[in-house]
Amino acid sequence: MPLLQLIAPSGHPQDQTAVARALQYFEQRGWRVKGQGAALRQHQRFAGTDAERLEELNSLARFIDAQIKPDLVMAVRGGYGISRIVREIDFQAIAKADLKFMGHSDFTLFSLAYLALTGKSSYLGPMACFDFGVESPSEFMQAHFWRLLNEGVDSVEVAAAQPYQFESDAVLWGGNLTMVNQAVGTPYMPSIKQGILVLEDINEHPYRVERNLYQLRDAGILEAQSAVILGQFNGYRLYDNDCGYDYAQMVAQIRSCCNVPILTDFPFGHVHDKVTLPVGNCAQLKVNAAGYSLNLSAIE
């Protein structure tokens, strides 16, 4: 019977009903679930004090010599919090336990640091509350999640016209744009050249997305990649003074001044229809005028 270990390194769950539904979801599919207590902690906006959340992560090193270890360690939700404790996370000890992690949003910083400091891959993908704890989990999300975990491979097809035609076999990495930018200039930023960089964010106006992309460009990161894939940037609203400047205009501007293919419409981000991405693994990208495909392999 597979084992799911829940962790709450960031925000506290605001809806305990969603937590209960997530537990039921996995239990109905033959999984055992541990770590439910993480969802009950609360300190201010966080899932416990910094010390509690840090201890939860560092205690995962106990599985180094354990006969039974989790098949998957999943974040309950995102929010904010890992930035406060990342300097104290013992990534080297955790890496020795050889666990498979899953999360997105704020969890991006853990994923980036884990890759940068240990070379270990992790999954950016669905989380307990937002994805598995809703009344009707996305069929799209479930299909891609289980296909990658159970079959070891997945393929994502995006039928959205792109002004490029090329192929790339490269390391997949990235995540939430705000968290990727935070890692710039720190030990937590992986040094990846000619990779496939996937980015997404929520509640960020197009001009703020553009500004963050300029930061990655001017730091020498954006144009060092073989491709940049923009996921979903939802939750923002335009203002009267935008005067026609919207997300599409932002993409056109970035494409005009960055020497790297920038693809759009990828199904990943703070949305229900999301794929599961093995950060740190190689992926195969094929792009033509009609769209593109991304072939993925599970973490071994």
Protein backbone atom coordinates (compact mmCIF):
# COMPACT_ATOMS: atom_id res chain seq x y z
CA MET A 1 0.00 0.00 0.00
CA PRO A 2 1.63 3.30 -1.09
CA LEU A 3 2.22 5.96 1.54
CA LEU A 4 1.60 9.71 1.21
CA GLN A 5 3.34 12.01 3.71
CA LEU A 6 1.77 15.45 4.08
CA ILE A 7 3.84 18.50 5.00
CA ALA A 8 2.84 22.12 5.56
CA PRO A 9 5.94 24.29 5.11
CA SER A 10 4.08 27.47 4.14
CA GLY A 11 0.57 28.78 4.74
CA HIS A 12 -2.01 27.12 6.96
CA PRO A 13 -5.08 25.53 5.35
CA GLN A 14 -8.06 27.83 5.66
CA ASP A 15 -10.50 25.04 4.85
CA GLN A 16 -10.22 21.88 6.92
CA THR A 17 -12.97 20.34 4.81
CA ALA A 18 -10.62 20.48 1.84
CA VAL A 19 -7.97 18.68 3.88
CA ALA A 20 -10.47 15.95 4.77
CA ARG A 21 -11.49 15.54 1.14
CA ALA A 22 -7.84 15.23 0.08
CA LEU A 23 -7.26 12.50 2.67
CA GLN A 24 -10.36 10.68 1.48
CA TYR A 25 -9.27 11.02 -2.15
CA PHE A 26 -6.04 9.12 -1.59
CA GLU A 27 -7.44 6.64 0.89
CA GLN A 28 -10.13 5.65 -1.58
CA ARG A 29 -7.37 4.88 -4.06
CA GLY A 30 -5.56 2.57 -1.67
CA TRP A 31 -3.03 4.98 -0.20
CA ARG A 32 -2.16 5.43 3.44
CA VAL A 33 -1.79 9.04 4.52
CA LYS A 34 0.41 10.36 7.32
CA GLY A 35 1.19 13.84 8.56
CA GLN A 36 -2.40 15.04 8.85
CA GLY A 37 -1.41 16.99 11.96
CA ALA A 38 0.53 19.41 9.76
CA ALA A 39 -2.77 20.75 8.50
CA LEU A 40 -3.94 21.56 12.03
CA ARG A 41 -1.05 23.83 12.99
CA GLN A 42 -1.49 27.58 12.77
CA HIS A 43 0.60 30.58 13.73
CA GLN A 44 -0.49 33.85 12.18
CA ARG A 45 -0.81 33.11 8.45
CA PHE A 46 1.55 30.14 8.65
CA ALA A 47 1.09 26.41 9.24
CA GLY A 48 2.87 26.67 12.56
CA THR A 49 5.81 28.65 13.81
CA ASP A 50 9.00 28.85 11.77
CA ALA A 51 10.59 26.38 14.17
CA GLU A 52 7.72 23.89 13.78
CA ARG A 53 7.74 24.03 10.01
CA LEU A 54 11.53 23.77 9.88
CA GLU A 55 11.52 20.76 12.19
CA GLU A 56 8.90 19.09 10.03
CA LEU A 57 11.10 19.39 6.95
CA ASN A 58 14.37 18.46 8.63
CA SER A 59 12.76 15.48 10.35
CA LEU A 60 12.23 13.92 6.91
CA ALA A 61 15.89 12.85 7.15
CA ARG A 62 14.69 10.16 9.54
CA PHE A 63 13.68 8.10 6.51
CA ILE A 64 17.33 7.56 5.51
CA ASP A 65 17.45 4.11 7.11
CA ALA A 66 13.73 3.52 7.48
CA GLN A 67 12.31 0.29 6.13
CA ILE A 68 9.09 2.06 5.21
CA LYS A 69 9.36 5.49 3.64
CA PRO A 70 6.77 7.66 1.89
CA ASP A 71 6.19 7.07 -1.79
CA LEU A 72 5.38 10.76 -2.08
CA VAL A 73 5.77 13.82 0.18
CA MET A 74 3.13 16.41 -0.72
CA ALA A 75 2.68 19.99 0.44
CA VAL A 76 -0.73 20.72 1.89
CA ARG A 77 -0.79 24.16 0.24
CA GLY A 78 1.40 27.07 -0.82
CA GLY A 79 1.13 30.67 0.31
CA TYR A 80 4.26 32.02 1.93
CA GLY A 81 6.72 30.68 4.47
CA ILE A 82 9.66 28.74 3.03
CA SER A 83 11.62 31.97 2.52
CA ARG A 84 11.73 32.39 6.30
CA ILE A 85 13.35 29.01 6.94
CA VAL A 86 15.24 28.04 3.77
CA ARG A 87 18.65 28.92 5.28
CA GLU A 88 18.11 26.37 8.05
CA ILE A 89 16.77 23.47 5.97
CA ASP A 90 19.25 20.59 5.98
CA PHE A 91 18.93 19.74 2.31
CA GLN A 92 21.92 17.40 2.35
CA ALA A 93 20.43 15.22 5.08
CA ILE A 94 17.00 15.25 3.46
CA ALA A 95 18.52 14.26 0.12
CA LYS A 96 20.02 11.13 1.64
CA ALA A 97 16.51 9.91 2.40
CA ASP A 98 15.86 9.93 -1.37
CA LEU A 99 12.25 11.10 -1.14
CA LYS A 100 9.96 12.34 -3.89
CA PHE A 101 8.47 15.78 -3.20
CA MET A 102 5.40 17.40 -4.71
CA GLY A 103 4.11 20.98 -4.54
CA HIS A 104 4.05 24.30 -6.35
CA SER A 105 3.67 28.03 -5.62
CA ASP A 106 5.76 28.80 -2.51
CA PHE A 107 7.16 25.26 -2.70
CA THR A 108 9.10 26.39 -5.78
CA LEU A 109 11.84 27.74 -3.51
CA PHE A 110 12.29 24.35 -1.84
CA SER A 111 12.38 22.67 -5.24
CA LEU A 112 14.97 25.09 -6.62
CA ALA A 113 17.18 24.87 -3.53
CA TYR A 114 16.90 21.08 -3.43
CA LEU A 115 18.13 20.91 -7.03
CA ALA A 116 20.82 23.58 -6.62
CA LEU A 117 22.31 22.20 -3.39
CA THR A 118 21.91 18.45 -3.88
CA GLY A 119 21.24 17.85 -7.58
CA LYS A 120 17.99 16.09 -6.64
CA SER A 121 14.83 16.35 -8.69
CA SER A 122 11.36 17.04 -7.30
CA TYR A 123 7.86 17.48 -8.67
CA LEU A 124 6.13 20.77 -9.25
CA GLY A 125 2.50 19.76 -9.35
CA PRO A 126 -0.80 19.46 -7.50
CA MET A 127 -1.14 19.92 -3.75
CA ALA A 128 -3.50 18.44 -1.21
CA CYS A 129 -5.96 21.26 -0.56
CA PHE A 130 -6.22 23.22 -3.79
CA ASP A 131 -6.12 20.25 -6.15
CA PHE A 132 -7.22 17.05 -4.40
CA GLY A 133 -9.34 18.70 -1.71
CA VAL A 134 -11.88 20.38 -3.97
CA GLU A 135 -15.33 18.84 -4.43
CA SER A 136 -14.55 17.88 -8.04
CA PRO A 137 -10.81 17.50 -8.73
CA SER A 138 -9.79 18.34 -12.29
CA GLU A 139 -9.92 15.32 -14.59
CA PHE A 140 -7.04 16.86 -16.56
CA MET A 141 -4.90 17.24 -13.44
CA GLN A 142 -5.65 13.72 -12.25
CA ALA A 143 -4.88 12.14 -15.61
CA HIS A 144 -1.46 13.75 -15.89
CA PHE A 145 -0.61 13.20 -12.20
CA TRP A 146 -1.38 9.49 -12.19
CA ARG A 147 0.04 8.85 -15.65
CA LEU A 148 3.43 10.23 -14.66
CA LEU A 149 3.49 8.48 -11.28
CA ASN A 150 2.09 5.12 -12.39
CA GLU A 151 3.41 4.81 -15.93
CA GLY A 152 6.62 6.78 -15.51
CA VAL A 153 6.05 9.00 -18.54
CA ASP A 154 3.68 11.73 -19.64
CA SER A 155 3.16 13.93 -22.67
CA VAL A 156 1.63 17.40 -22.68
CA GLU A 157 0.15 18.76 -25.91
CA VAL A 158 -0.49 22.50 -26.26
CA ALA A 159 -2.57 23.46 -29.29
CA ALA A 160 -1.71 27.16 -29.31
CA ALA A 161 0.09 28.76 -32.23
CA GLN A 162 3.71 29.76 -31.53
CA PRO A 163 6.07 31.81 -33.74
CA TYR A 164 8.83 29.17 -33.59
CA GLN A 165 9.80 25.77 -34.89
CA PHE A 166 12.51 23.83 -33.05
CA GLU A 167 13.23 20.89 -30.76
CA SER A 168 15.05 20.75 -27.43
CA ASP A 169 16.08 17.90 -25.15
CA ALA A 170 17.05 19.63 -21.92
CA VAL A 171 16.68 19.90 -18.16
CA LEU A 172 13.24 21.09 -17.09
CA TRP A 173 13.14 23.58 -14.24
CA GLY A 174 11.44 26.71 -12.87
CA GLY A 175 8.11 27.22 -11.14
CA ASN A 176 6.53 30.28 -9.62
CA LEU A 177 8.08 33.40 -11.15
CA THR A 178 8.19 35.37 -7.89
CA MET A 179 10.03 32.54 -6.14
CA VAL A 180 12.42 31.99 -9.06
CA ASN A 181 13.31 35.69 -8.94
CA GLN A 182 13.87 35.49 -5.21
CA ALA A 183 16.47 32.78 -5.78
CA VAL A 184 18.55 34.94 -8.16
CA GLY A 185 21.95 35.66 -6.63
CA THR A 186 21.51 33.09 -3.86
CA PRO A 187 22.82 29.54 -3.35
CA TYR A 188 19.28 28.34 -4.05
CA MET A 189 19.31 29.16 -7.77
CA PRO A 190 20.30 26.17 -9.92
CA SER A 191 22.97 26.88 -12.51
CA ILE A 192 21.23 25.52 -15.59
CA LYS A 193 22.28 26.37 -19.12
CA GLN A 194 20.21 25.53 -22.19
CA GLY A 195 17.40 24.28 -20.00
CA ILE A 196 13.64 24.46 -20.43
CA LEU A 197 12.45 27.10 -17.97
CA VAL A 198 8.75 26.95 -17.01
CA LEU A 199 7.27 29.99 -15.24
CA GLU A 200 3.85 30.87 -13.78
CA ASP A 201 2.34 33.24 -11.23
CA ILE A 202 -0.92 34.51 -9.77
CA ASN A 203 -2.28 37.97 -8.90
CA GLU A 204 0.55 39.64 -10.81
CA HIS A 205 -0.33 42.37 -13.31
CA PRO A 206 1.34 41.91 -16.73
CA TYR A 207 3.72 44.82 -16.10
CA ARG A 208 4.97 43.11 -12.95
CA VAL A 209 5.44 39.85 -14.84
CA GLU A 210 7.36 41.79 -17.50
CA ARG A 211 9.54 43.42 -14.85
CA ASN A 212 10.36 40.05 -13.31
CA LEU A 213 11.23 38.60 -16.71
CA TYR A 214 13.59 41.53 -17.31
CA GLN A 215 15.25 40.68 -13.99
CA LEU A 216 15.86 37.11 -15.20
CA ARG A 217 17.11 38.41 -18.54
CA ASP A 218 19.48 40.95 -17.05
CA ALA A 219 20.78 38.37 -14.56
CA GLY A 220 21.87 36.27 -17.55
CA ILE A 221 19.38 33.49 -16.84
CA LEU A 222 16.55 33.89 -19.33
CA GLU A 223 18.60 33.99 -22.52
CA ALA A 224 20.84 31.15 -21.32
CA GLN A 225 17.92 28.73 -21.74
CA SER A 226 16.94 26.77 -24.83
CA ALA A 227 13.31 27.77 -24.25
CA VAL A 228 11.09 29.61 -21.78
CA ILE A 229 7.55 28.29 -21.30
CA LEU A 230 5.00 30.60 -19.75
CA GLY A 231 2.27 28.82 -17.83
CA GLN A 232 -0.84 30.47 -16.45
CA PHE A 233 -0.69 34.02 -15.09
CA ASN A 234 -4.15 34.45 -13.64
CA GLY A 235 -5.86 36.41 -10.90
CA TYR A 236 -4.82 39.92 -11.97
CA ARG A 237 -7.01 42.74 -13.25
CA LEU A 238 -6.24 45.46 -15.75
CA TYR A 239 -6.66 49.17 -15.01
CA ASP A 240 -7.95 52.14 -16.99
CA ASN A 241 -4.45 53.54 -17.39
CA ASP A 242 -3.23 50.34 -19.09
CA CYS A 243 -4.69 51.70 -22.33
CA GLY A 244 -4.40 48.45 -24.26
CA TYR A 245 -1.37 47.07 -22.44
CA ASP A 246 -2.38 43.55 -21.47
CA TYR A 247 -0.85 40.09 -21.10
CA ALA A 248 -0.55 39.57 -24.86
CA GLN A 249 1.22 42.92 -25.26
CA MET A 250 3.58 41.99 -22.45
CA VAL A 251 4.46 38.70 -24.16
CA ALA A 252 5.04 40.49 -27.47
CA GLN A 253 7.35 42.98 -25.76
CA ILE A 254 9.43 40.29 -24.03
CA ARG A 255 9.69 38.29 -27.23
CA SER A 256 10.96 41.38 -29.05
CA CYS A 257 13.85 42.00 -26.68
CA CYS A 258 14.90 38.55 -25.48
CA ASN A 259 17.00 36.20 -27.58
CA VAL A 260 15.22 33.01 -26.50
CA PRO A 261 12.02 31.32 -27.68
CA ILE A 262 9.15 32.21 -25.33
CA LEU A 263 6.18 29.84 -25.49
CA THR A 264 2.75 30.50 -24.00
CA ASP A 265 -0.47 28.79 -22.86
CA PHE A 266 1.15 25.98 -20.87
CA PRO A 267 -1.29 24.24 -18.49
CA PHE A 268 0.51 24.86 -15.24
CA GLY A 269 0.10 27.36 -12.41
CA HIS A 270 -2.51 28.38 -9.86
CA VAL A 271 -5.25 26.74 -11.89
CA HIS A 272 -7.15 23.48 -11.52
CA ASP A 273 -6.07 22.08 -14.90
CA LYS A 274 -2.36 21.58 -14.30
CA VAL A 275 0.25 19.04 -15.27
CA THR A 276 2.89 17.50 -13.01
CA LEU A 277 6.46 18.55 -13.80
CA PRO A 278 9.65 16.67 -12.79
CA VAL A 279 12.01 19.56 -12.04
CA GLY A 280 15.62 18.56 -12.63
CA ASN A 281 14.78 15.81 -15.12
CA CYS A 282 15.36 16.05 -18.84
CA ALA A 283 12.33 16.71 -21.02
CA GLN A 284 11.79 16.67 -24.76
CA LEU A 285 10.22 19.77 -26.30
CA LYS A 286 8.94 19.91 -29.89
CA VAL A 287 7.60 23.20 -31.24
CA ASN A 288 5.92 24.11 -34.51
CA ALA A 289 3.59 26.80 -35.75
CA ALA A 290 0.49 24.94 -34.54
CA GLY A 291 1.70 24.42 -30.97
CA TYR A 292 4.10 22.28 -29.02
CA SER A 293 4.52 19.09 -27.01
CA LEU A 294 6.53 18.31 -23.91
CA ASN A 295 7.49 14.73 -23.06
CA LEU A 296 8.24 14.04 -19.41
CA SER A 297 9.71 11.17 -17.40
CA ALA A 298 9.11 10.37 -13.74
CA ILE A 299 11.71 10.80 -11.04
CA GLU A 300 13.48 7.52 -10.38
